[in-house]
N, C-alpha and C. Protein backbone atom coordinates (compact mmCIF):
# COMPACT_ATOMS: atom_id res chain seq x y z
N MET A 1 12.67 -37.48 10.48
CA MET A 1 12.32 -38.03 11.78
C MET A 1 12.11 -36.88 12.77
N PRO A 2 11.00 -36.87 13.46
CA PRO A 2 10.70 -35.78 14.40
C PRO A 2 11.62 -35.81 15.63
N TYR A 3 11.74 -34.64 16.25
CA TYR A 3 12.47 -34.55 17.51
C TYR A 3 11.73 -35.34 18.57
N PRO A 4 12.43 -35.90 19.56
CA PRO A 4 11.74 -36.61 20.65
C PRO A 4 10.84 -35.67 21.45
N GLU A 5 9.71 -36.19 21.87
CA GLU A 5 8.73 -35.39 22.61
C GLU A 5 9.32 -34.79 23.88
N TYR A 6 10.15 -35.53 24.59
CA TYR A 6 10.67 -35.01 25.85
C TYR A 6 11.50 -33.74 25.66
N ILE A 7 12.09 -33.58 24.50
CA ILE A 7 12.85 -32.36 24.21
C ILE A 7 11.90 -31.19 23.95
N CYS A 8 10.80 -31.48 23.28
CA CYS A 8 9.89 -30.42 22.84
C CYS A 8 8.85 -30.01 23.89
N THR A 9 8.57 -30.87 24.84
CA THR A 9 7.52 -30.60 25.81
C THR A 9 7.66 -29.24 26.49
N PRO A 10 8.84 -28.88 27.02
CA PRO A 10 8.93 -27.56 27.67
C PRO A 10 8.73 -26.40 26.68
N MET A 11 9.14 -26.60 25.44
CA MET A 11 8.99 -25.55 24.42
C MET A 11 7.53 -25.40 24.01
N ARG A 12 6.82 -26.51 23.98
CA ARG A 12 5.37 -26.47 23.71
C ARG A 12 4.67 -25.75 24.86
N GLU A 13 5.02 -26.16 26.09
CA GLU A 13 4.35 -25.65 27.27
C GLU A 13 4.53 -24.14 27.44
N GLU A 14 5.65 -23.62 26.98
CA GLU A 14 5.89 -22.18 27.07
C GLU A 14 4.79 -21.40 26.34
N LEU A 15 4.36 -21.91 25.19
CA LEU A 15 3.30 -21.23 24.43
C LEU A 15 1.91 -21.60 24.95
N VAL A 16 1.69 -22.85 25.30
CA VAL A 16 0.39 -23.27 25.81
C VAL A 16 0.06 -22.49 27.08
N SER A 17 1.05 -22.31 27.95
CA SER A 17 0.81 -21.57 29.20
C SER A 17 0.52 -20.10 28.94
N ALA A 18 0.88 -19.61 27.75
CA ALA A 18 0.59 -18.22 27.37
C ALA A 18 -0.75 -18.10 26.64
N GLY A 19 -1.48 -19.22 26.50
CA GLY A 19 -2.81 -19.17 25.89
C GLY A 19 -2.91 -19.74 24.49
N PHE A 20 -1.83 -20.31 23.97
CA PHE A 20 -1.86 -20.88 22.63
C PHE A 20 -2.50 -22.27 22.64
N THR A 21 -3.19 -22.58 21.55
CA THR A 21 -3.73 -23.91 21.31
C THR A 21 -2.82 -24.60 20.31
N GLU A 22 -2.42 -25.82 20.64
CA GLU A 22 -1.58 -26.58 19.72
C GLU A 22 -2.43 -27.22 18.64
N LEU A 23 -1.97 -27.09 17.41
CA LEU A 23 -2.60 -27.79 16.28
C LEU A 23 -1.62 -28.90 15.89
N LYS A 24 -2.05 -30.14 16.08
CA LYS A 24 -1.13 -31.26 15.88
C LYS A 24 -1.44 -32.09 14.64
N SER A 25 -2.49 -31.73 13.93
CA SER A 25 -2.83 -32.50 12.72
C SER A 25 -3.22 -31.54 11.60
N PRO A 26 -3.07 -32.00 10.36
CA PRO A 26 -3.51 -31.16 9.23
C PRO A 26 -5.00 -30.82 9.31
N THR A 27 -5.80 -31.74 9.81
CA THR A 27 -7.23 -31.50 9.93
C THR A 27 -7.50 -30.34 10.88
N GLN A 28 -6.82 -30.31 12.01
CA GLN A 28 -7.00 -29.20 12.95
C GLN A 28 -6.60 -27.88 12.30
N VAL A 29 -5.49 -27.88 11.59
CA VAL A 29 -5.02 -26.67 10.91
C VAL A 29 -6.07 -26.19 9.91
N ASP A 30 -6.59 -27.12 9.10
CA ASP A 30 -7.58 -26.76 8.08
C ASP A 30 -8.90 -26.29 8.67
N GLU A 31 -9.24 -26.77 9.85
CA GLU A 31 -10.48 -26.33 10.50
C GLU A 31 -10.34 -24.94 11.11
N ILE A 32 -9.16 -24.63 11.60
CA ILE A 32 -8.97 -23.40 12.38
C ILE A 32 -8.52 -22.21 11.52
N ILE A 33 -7.40 -22.33 10.82
CA ILE A 33 -6.80 -21.14 10.20
C ILE A 33 -7.68 -20.50 9.12
N PRO A 34 -8.10 -21.21 8.09
CA PRO A 34 -8.85 -20.51 7.03
C PRO A 34 -10.25 -20.09 7.46
N ASN A 35 -10.77 -20.70 8.51
CA ASN A 35 -12.13 -20.40 8.96
C ASN A 35 -12.18 -19.43 10.13
N SER A 36 -11.03 -18.91 10.52
CA SER A 36 -11.00 -18.04 11.69
C SER A 36 -11.68 -16.70 11.39
N LYS A 37 -12.39 -16.23 12.36
CA LYS A 37 -13.04 -14.91 12.30
C LYS A 37 -12.27 -13.99 13.24
N GLY A 38 -12.10 -12.75 12.86
CA GLY A 38 -11.29 -11.85 13.67
C GLY A 38 -9.83 -12.12 13.40
N THR A 39 -9.01 -11.99 14.42
CA THR A 39 -7.58 -12.15 14.23
C THR A 39 -7.07 -13.42 14.91
N LEU A 40 -6.07 -14.01 14.28
CA LEU A 40 -5.47 -15.25 14.76
C LEU A 40 -3.96 -15.12 14.60
N LEU A 41 -3.23 -15.49 15.64
CA LEU A 41 -1.77 -15.50 15.57
C LEU A 41 -1.30 -16.94 15.52
N LEU A 42 -0.50 -17.24 14.51
CA LEU A 42 0.10 -18.57 14.34
C LEU A 42 1.59 -18.46 14.63
N MET A 43 2.05 -19.24 15.58
CA MET A 43 3.50 -19.33 15.85
C MET A 43 3.96 -20.70 15.38
N ILE A 44 4.86 -20.70 14.41
CA ILE A 44 5.50 -21.96 14.01
C ILE A 44 6.72 -22.09 14.92
N ASN A 45 6.56 -22.93 15.90
CA ASN A 45 7.53 -23.12 16.96
C ASN A 45 8.67 -24.03 16.49
N SER A 46 9.81 -23.96 17.16
CA SER A 46 10.91 -24.85 16.83
C SER A 46 11.86 -24.99 18.01
N VAL A 47 12.81 -25.91 17.89
CA VAL A 47 13.76 -26.17 18.96
C VAL A 47 14.99 -25.26 18.90
N CYS A 48 15.11 -24.45 17.88
CA CYS A 48 16.33 -23.66 17.69
C CYS A 48 16.48 -22.58 18.77
N GLY A 49 17.68 -22.08 18.88
CA GLY A 49 17.98 -21.07 19.88
C GLY A 49 17.23 -19.77 19.69
N CYS A 50 16.98 -19.37 18.44
CA CYS A 50 16.27 -18.11 18.24
C CYS A 50 14.79 -18.24 18.62
N ALA A 51 14.25 -19.43 18.59
CA ALA A 51 12.87 -19.63 19.07
C ALA A 51 12.85 -19.44 20.58
N ALA A 52 13.81 -20.04 21.26
CA ALA A 52 13.86 -19.96 22.72
C ALA A 52 14.27 -18.58 23.20
N GLY A 53 15.25 -17.99 22.53
CA GLY A 53 15.82 -16.74 23.01
C GLY A 53 15.03 -15.50 22.65
N THR A 54 14.37 -15.50 21.48
CA THR A 54 13.70 -14.28 21.06
C THR A 54 12.27 -14.47 20.58
N ALA A 55 11.98 -15.52 19.81
CA ALA A 55 10.65 -15.65 19.22
C ALA A 55 9.56 -15.90 20.27
N ARG A 56 9.71 -16.96 21.06
CA ARG A 56 8.68 -17.23 22.06
C ARG A 56 8.59 -16.11 23.10
N PRO A 57 9.72 -15.64 23.64
CA PRO A 57 9.61 -14.51 24.58
C PRO A 57 9.01 -13.25 23.93
N GLY A 58 9.38 -12.98 22.70
CA GLY A 58 8.84 -11.80 22.01
C GLY A 58 7.34 -11.89 21.82
N VAL A 59 6.85 -13.06 21.44
CA VAL A 59 5.41 -13.27 21.27
C VAL A 59 4.70 -13.06 22.61
N LYS A 60 5.24 -13.62 23.66
CA LYS A 60 4.62 -13.49 24.97
C LYS A 60 4.58 -12.03 25.43
N ILE A 61 5.64 -11.29 25.20
CA ILE A 61 5.66 -9.87 25.54
C ILE A 61 4.60 -9.11 24.74
N SER A 62 4.48 -9.44 23.46
CA SER A 62 3.53 -8.73 22.59
C SER A 62 2.09 -8.89 23.05
N LEU A 63 1.79 -9.99 23.70
CA LEU A 63 0.42 -10.26 24.12
C LEU A 63 -0.01 -9.41 25.32
N GLN A 64 0.93 -8.69 25.91
CA GLN A 64 0.61 -7.79 27.01
C GLN A 64 0.01 -6.48 26.51
N ASN A 65 0.03 -6.27 25.19
CA ASN A 65 -0.54 -5.07 24.59
C ASN A 65 -2.06 -5.08 24.75
N SER A 66 -2.66 -3.91 24.81
CA SER A 66 -4.12 -3.84 24.95
C SER A 66 -4.83 -4.43 23.74
N LYS A 67 -4.25 -4.26 22.56
CA LYS A 67 -4.78 -4.90 21.36
C LYS A 67 -3.93 -6.13 21.08
N HIS A 68 -4.59 -7.25 20.88
CA HIS A 68 -3.88 -8.48 20.56
C HIS A 68 -4.84 -9.42 19.84
N PRO A 69 -4.32 -10.48 19.23
CA PRO A 69 -5.18 -11.38 18.45
C PRO A 69 -6.27 -12.05 19.29
N ASP A 70 -7.36 -12.37 18.61
CA ASP A 70 -8.47 -13.05 19.26
C ASP A 70 -8.13 -14.50 19.60
N LYS A 71 -7.33 -15.12 18.76
CA LYS A 71 -7.02 -16.53 18.93
C LYS A 71 -5.52 -16.74 18.72
N LEU A 72 -4.95 -17.66 19.49
CA LEU A 72 -3.53 -17.99 19.42
C LEU A 72 -3.38 -19.47 19.14
N VAL A 73 -2.64 -19.82 18.09
CA VAL A 73 -2.40 -21.22 17.75
C VAL A 73 -0.94 -21.43 17.43
N THR A 74 -0.50 -22.69 17.56
CA THR A 74 0.88 -23.02 17.27
C THR A 74 0.98 -24.41 16.67
N VAL A 75 1.97 -24.58 15.81
CA VAL A 75 2.40 -25.89 15.31
C VAL A 75 3.88 -25.99 15.64
N PHE A 76 4.38 -27.23 15.72
CA PHE A 76 5.78 -27.42 16.11
C PHE A 76 6.54 -28.03 14.95
N ALA A 77 7.37 -27.19 14.30
CA ALA A 77 8.22 -27.66 13.21
C ALA A 77 9.22 -28.67 13.78
N GLY A 78 9.49 -29.70 13.02
CA GLY A 78 10.44 -30.71 13.47
C GLY A 78 9.80 -31.77 14.34
N GLN A 79 8.52 -31.61 14.66
CA GLN A 79 7.83 -32.65 15.42
C GLN A 79 6.44 -32.94 14.85
N ASP A 80 5.58 -31.95 14.79
CA ASP A 80 4.26 -32.15 14.19
C ASP A 80 4.38 -31.84 12.70
N LEU A 81 5.03 -32.76 12.00
CA LEU A 81 5.45 -32.50 10.62
C LEU A 81 4.28 -32.22 9.68
N ASP A 82 3.25 -33.04 9.75
CA ASP A 82 2.11 -32.87 8.83
C ASP A 82 1.33 -31.59 9.14
N ALA A 83 1.13 -31.31 10.41
CA ALA A 83 0.42 -30.08 10.79
C ALA A 83 1.22 -28.85 10.37
N THR A 84 2.53 -28.91 10.54
CA THR A 84 3.37 -27.77 10.15
C THR A 84 3.33 -27.57 8.64
N ALA A 85 3.42 -28.66 7.89
CA ALA A 85 3.36 -28.55 6.42
C ALA A 85 2.03 -27.93 5.99
N GLU A 86 0.96 -28.31 6.64
CA GLU A 86 -0.36 -27.77 6.30
C GLU A 86 -0.44 -26.28 6.67
N ALA A 87 0.07 -25.93 7.84
CA ALA A 87 0.04 -24.52 8.26
C ALA A 87 0.83 -23.65 7.30
N ARG A 88 1.93 -24.18 6.80
CA ARG A 88 2.77 -23.39 5.88
C ARG A 88 2.07 -23.10 4.56
N LYS A 89 1.06 -23.88 4.21
CA LYS A 89 0.29 -23.58 3.00
C LYS A 89 -0.42 -22.23 3.14
N PHE A 90 -0.74 -21.87 4.38
CA PHE A 90 -1.46 -20.62 4.63
C PHE A 90 -0.52 -19.43 4.79
N THR A 91 0.80 -19.69 4.79
CA THR A 91 1.76 -18.59 4.91
C THR A 91 2.47 -18.31 3.58
N LEU A 92 1.99 -18.93 2.53
CA LEU A 92 2.54 -18.62 1.20
C LEU A 92 2.21 -17.18 0.84
N PRO A 93 3.05 -16.47 0.17
CA PRO A 93 4.17 -16.92 -0.65
C PRO A 93 5.49 -17.01 0.10
N TYR A 94 5.46 -16.88 1.43
CA TYR A 94 6.70 -16.97 2.19
C TYR A 94 7.22 -18.40 2.20
N PRO A 95 8.53 -18.59 2.06
CA PRO A 95 9.09 -19.95 2.10
C PRO A 95 9.02 -20.51 3.52
N PRO A 96 9.11 -21.84 3.65
CA PRO A 96 9.11 -22.45 4.99
C PRO A 96 10.20 -21.83 5.86
N SER A 97 9.82 -21.54 7.07
CA SER A 97 10.71 -20.85 7.99
C SER A 97 10.28 -21.20 9.41
N SER A 98 11.25 -21.59 10.23
CA SER A 98 10.91 -21.81 11.63
C SER A 98 12.09 -21.39 12.50
N PRO A 99 11.78 -20.65 13.54
CA PRO A 99 10.44 -20.21 13.91
C PRO A 99 9.96 -19.11 12.96
N SER A 100 8.66 -18.93 12.97
CA SER A 100 8.06 -17.83 12.24
C SER A 100 6.70 -17.54 12.87
N ILE A 101 6.17 -16.36 12.55
CA ILE A 101 4.95 -15.91 13.21
C ILE A 101 4.06 -15.25 12.16
N GLY A 102 2.82 -15.71 12.08
CA GLY A 102 1.88 -15.13 11.13
C GLY A 102 0.65 -14.58 11.82
N LEU A 103 0.20 -13.43 11.38
CA LEU A 103 -1.04 -12.84 11.87
C LEU A 103 -2.06 -12.92 10.75
N PHE A 104 -3.22 -13.47 11.06
CA PHE A 104 -4.31 -13.64 10.10
C PHE A 104 -5.49 -12.80 10.54
N LYS A 105 -6.18 -12.27 9.55
CA LYS A 105 -7.44 -11.58 9.81
C LYS A 105 -8.50 -12.21 8.93
N ASP A 106 -9.55 -12.72 9.56
CA ASP A 106 -10.62 -13.42 8.85
C ASP A 106 -10.06 -14.48 7.90
N GLY A 107 -9.07 -15.24 8.38
CA GLY A 107 -8.52 -16.35 7.62
C GLY A 107 -7.46 -16.00 6.59
N LYS A 108 -7.13 -14.72 6.46
CA LYS A 108 -6.15 -14.27 5.46
C LYS A 108 -4.89 -13.77 6.15
N LEU A 109 -3.74 -14.16 5.65
CA LEU A 109 -2.47 -13.71 6.20
C LEU A 109 -2.28 -12.22 5.95
N VAL A 110 -2.04 -11.45 7.03
CA VAL A 110 -1.87 -10.01 6.88
C VAL A 110 -0.50 -9.53 7.35
N HIS A 111 0.22 -10.36 8.08
CA HIS A 111 1.55 -9.98 8.59
C HIS A 111 2.33 -11.27 8.85
N PHE A 112 3.62 -11.25 8.48
CA PHE A 112 4.43 -12.46 8.67
C PHE A 112 5.84 -12.08 9.06
N ILE A 113 6.36 -12.77 10.06
CA ILE A 113 7.74 -12.58 10.51
C ILE A 113 8.49 -13.87 10.23
N GLU A 114 9.45 -13.78 9.32
CA GLU A 114 10.26 -14.95 8.97
C GLU A 114 11.43 -15.10 9.93
N ARG A 115 12.02 -16.28 9.91
CA ARG A 115 13.16 -16.57 10.77
C ARG A 115 14.26 -15.51 10.63
N HIS A 116 14.55 -15.08 9.41
CA HIS A 116 15.64 -14.12 9.25
C HIS A 116 15.31 -12.76 9.86
N HIS A 117 14.04 -12.53 10.19
CA HIS A 117 13.66 -11.31 10.91
C HIS A 117 13.68 -11.52 12.43
N ILE A 118 13.90 -12.77 12.83
CA ILE A 118 13.95 -13.13 14.25
C ILE A 118 15.40 -13.28 14.72
N GLU A 119 16.20 -13.98 13.93
CA GLU A 119 17.59 -14.25 14.30
C GLU A 119 18.36 -12.97 14.60
N GLY A 120 19.05 -12.97 15.73
CA GLY A 120 19.91 -11.85 16.07
C GLY A 120 19.19 -10.62 16.60
N ARG A 121 17.88 -10.69 16.73
CA ARG A 121 17.12 -9.55 17.24
C ARG A 121 16.61 -9.88 18.64
N PRO A 122 16.60 -8.90 19.53
CA PRO A 122 16.09 -9.17 20.88
C PRO A 122 14.58 -9.39 20.89
N ALA A 123 14.12 -10.05 21.94
CA ALA A 123 12.69 -10.35 22.08
C ALA A 123 11.85 -9.08 22.02
N GLN A 124 12.35 -7.98 22.57
CA GLN A 124 11.58 -6.74 22.57
C GLN A 124 11.33 -6.23 21.15
N VAL A 125 12.27 -6.43 20.25
CA VAL A 125 12.11 -6.00 18.86
C VAL A 125 11.03 -6.86 18.18
N ILE A 126 11.04 -8.16 18.45
CA ILE A 126 10.00 -9.05 17.92
C ILE A 126 8.64 -8.59 18.44
N ALA A 127 8.58 -8.31 19.74
CA ALA A 127 7.32 -7.85 20.35
C ALA A 127 6.84 -6.55 19.72
N GLU A 128 7.75 -5.61 19.51
CA GLU A 128 7.36 -4.32 18.91
C GLU A 128 6.83 -4.50 17.49
N ASN A 129 7.43 -5.40 16.73
CA ASN A 129 6.97 -5.69 15.37
C ASN A 129 5.53 -6.22 15.44
N LEU A 130 5.29 -7.15 16.35
CA LEU A 130 3.95 -7.74 16.47
C LEU A 130 2.94 -6.71 16.98
N VAL A 131 3.31 -5.92 17.95
CA VAL A 131 2.39 -4.90 18.49
C VAL A 131 1.97 -3.93 17.40
N ALA A 132 2.89 -3.55 16.53
CA ALA A 132 2.54 -2.66 15.42
C ALA A 132 1.49 -3.33 14.52
N ALA A 133 1.65 -4.62 14.28
CA ALA A 133 0.67 -5.35 13.47
C ALA A 133 -0.66 -5.45 14.20
N TYR A 134 -0.63 -5.69 15.51
CA TYR A 134 -1.88 -5.76 16.29
C TYR A 134 -2.61 -4.42 16.23
N GLU A 135 -1.87 -3.34 16.35
CA GLU A 135 -2.48 -2.01 16.32
C GLU A 135 -3.19 -1.77 14.97
N GLU A 136 -2.61 -2.29 13.92
CA GLU A 136 -3.20 -2.11 12.59
C GLU A 136 -4.37 -3.04 12.32
N PHE A 137 -4.26 -4.31 12.75
CA PHE A 137 -5.23 -5.31 12.30
C PHE A 137 -6.19 -5.82 13.38
N CYS A 138 -5.87 -5.63 14.65
CA CYS A 138 -6.72 -6.21 15.71
C CYS A 138 -7.75 -5.20 16.22
């Protein structure tokens, strides 16, 4: 059973206000991720504390870099269940993890940050990890 929308709305809005497009259906995911040209950042959002405390803030900090992804998209684990399941097909061989962050280049996964790389780390460390990937792939 998904989390109630009223709980997730502020967490969704944090990413949307930073320029992310929400993918709420498997069809949207299938149209966007594998067909993307250039670079695309996927944030698998969640209600957990590490998403609020480090993952979302870290992603937002990383976007202040001069090099950053061409497109930003997000799915919400625990709420947009089908869209999240579809997005996770594109992050294989990594196991399901939320929050998590994937960088794609021309539809192929080139960098992935799993939850265990987010938990217990400050937002600045998440941002630095992403900036290094942007410098290499963007």
